[in-house]
Amino acid sequence: MLAAGLGCALDERGFVIAAEDRQTSVDRVYAAGNCADPMLNVPLSIADGMRAALAVNVRLVEEGVLQPAAAAARPAELVRTPR
């Protein structure tokens, strides 16, 4: 399993232990869906993946790797001028 190879902590059943934001015990490694919670069905696994993606995005913004959309420069063709 990739997670074990990366050094992520696993529970007694072999599932990845992940925090509420889906961060694992290894910095910058996130786990979502059935690898972290075997009880999730497909729609819940998709939602769990979205939660992990949000946590990754927040972290990248906090680290200055990404700019929030509102702070990013907008191309002139996307900016509407009032008439």
Protein backbone atom coordinates (compact mmCIF):
# COMPACT_ATOMS: atom_id res chain seq x y z
CA MET A 1 0.00 0.00 0.00
CA LEU A 2 1.29 3.44 -0.97
CA ALA A 3 0.31 5.07 2.34
CA ALA A 4 2.26 2.50 4.36
CA GLY A 5 5.24 2.95 2.07
CA LEU A 6 5.14 6.69 2.72
CA GLY A 7 5.11 6.03 6.46
CA CYS A 8 1.48 6.94 7.21
CA ALA A 9 0.05 5.60 10.43
CA LEU A 10 -2.48 2.82 9.93
CA ASP A 11 -5.17 1.55 12.26
CA GLU A 12 -5.39 -2.07 13.42
CA ARG A 13 -7.38 -2.97 10.27
CA GLY A 14 -4.85 -1.37 7.89
CA PHE A 15 -6.78 1.79 7.07
CA VAL A 16 -4.98 5.14 6.95
CA ILE A 17 -5.45 7.28 10.05
CA ALA A 18 -6.42 10.79 8.95
CA ALA A 19 -7.40 13.91 10.87
CA GLU A 20 -10.66 15.77 10.28
CA ASP A 21 -8.98 17.76 7.47
CA ARG A 22 -7.78 14.40 6.05
CA GLN A 23 -4.09 15.09 6.87
CA THR A 24 -2.23 11.88 7.71
CA SER A 25 0.65 11.40 10.13
CA VAL A 26 3.02 12.29 7.26
CA ASP A 27 3.28 16.00 6.47
CA ARG A 28 1.68 16.93 3.13
CA VAL A 29 0.05 13.52 2.69
CA TYR A 30 -3.75 13.46 2.78
CA ALA A 31 -6.08 10.46 2.73
CA ALA A 32 -9.73 10.38 1.75
CA GLY A 33 -12.47 7.93 0.95
CA ASN A 34 -12.34 4.23 1.63
CA CYS A 35 -8.60 4.12 2.34
CA ALA A 36 -9.29 6.17 5.49
CA ASP A 37 -12.88 5.16 6.29
CA PRO A 38 -14.10 1.77 5.06
CA MET A 39 -17.74 2.67 5.78
CA LEU A 40 -17.98 5.40 3.13
CA ASN A 41 -20.06 4.73 0.03
CA VAL A 42 -19.18 6.30 -3.32
CA PRO A 43 -20.95 9.66 -2.83
CA LEU A 44 -19.49 10.05 0.66
CA SER A 45 -16.03 9.11 -0.59
CA ILE A 46 -16.33 11.81 -3.26
CA ALA A 47 -17.32 14.34 -0.60
CA ASP A 48 -14.41 13.21 1.57
CA GLY A 49 -12.07 13.81 -1.36
CA MET A 50 -13.48 17.31 -1.74
CA ARG A 51 -12.80 17.94 1.95
CA ALA A 52 -9.19 16.81 1.47
CA ALA A 53 -8.84 19.01 -1.63
CA LEU A 54 -10.13 22.01 0.33
CA ALA A 55 -7.59 21.36 3.11
CA VAL A 56 -4.77 21.13 0.55
CA ASN A 57 -5.92 24.38 -1.09
CA VAL A 58 -6.10 26.19 2.26
CA ARG A 59 -2.61 25.04 3.14
CA LEU A 60 -1.18 26.14 -0.21
CA VAL A 61 -2.76 29.57 0.19
CA GLU A 62 -1.44 29.87 3.75
CA GLU A 63 2.06 28.96 2.56
CA GLY A 64 1.86 31.53 -0.24
CA VAL A 65 2.07 28.92 -2.99
CA LEU A 66 -1.36 29.94 -4.34
CA GLN A 67 -3.20 33.23 -4.21
CA PRO A 68 -6.87 33.28 -3.27
CA ALA A 69 -9.03 33.88 -6.36
CA ALA A 70 -10.15 37.31 -5.12
CA ALA A 71 -6.53 38.48 -4.73
CA ALA A 72 -5.35 37.12 -8.08
CA ALA A 73 -4.97 39.55 -10.93
CA ARG A 74 -7.92 39.33 -13.30
CA PRO A 75 -7.37 39.44 -17.05
CA ALA A 76 -8.81 42.62 -18.56
CA GLU A 77 -11.21 40.68 -20.77
CA LEU A 78 -12.88 39.21 -17.68
CA VAL A 79 -13.39 42.53 -15.93
CA ARG A 80 -16.74 44.08 -16.84
CA THR A 81 -17.02 47.82 -16.94
CA PRO A 82 -20.33 49.36 -15.91
CA ARG A 83 -22.34 51.01 -18.69
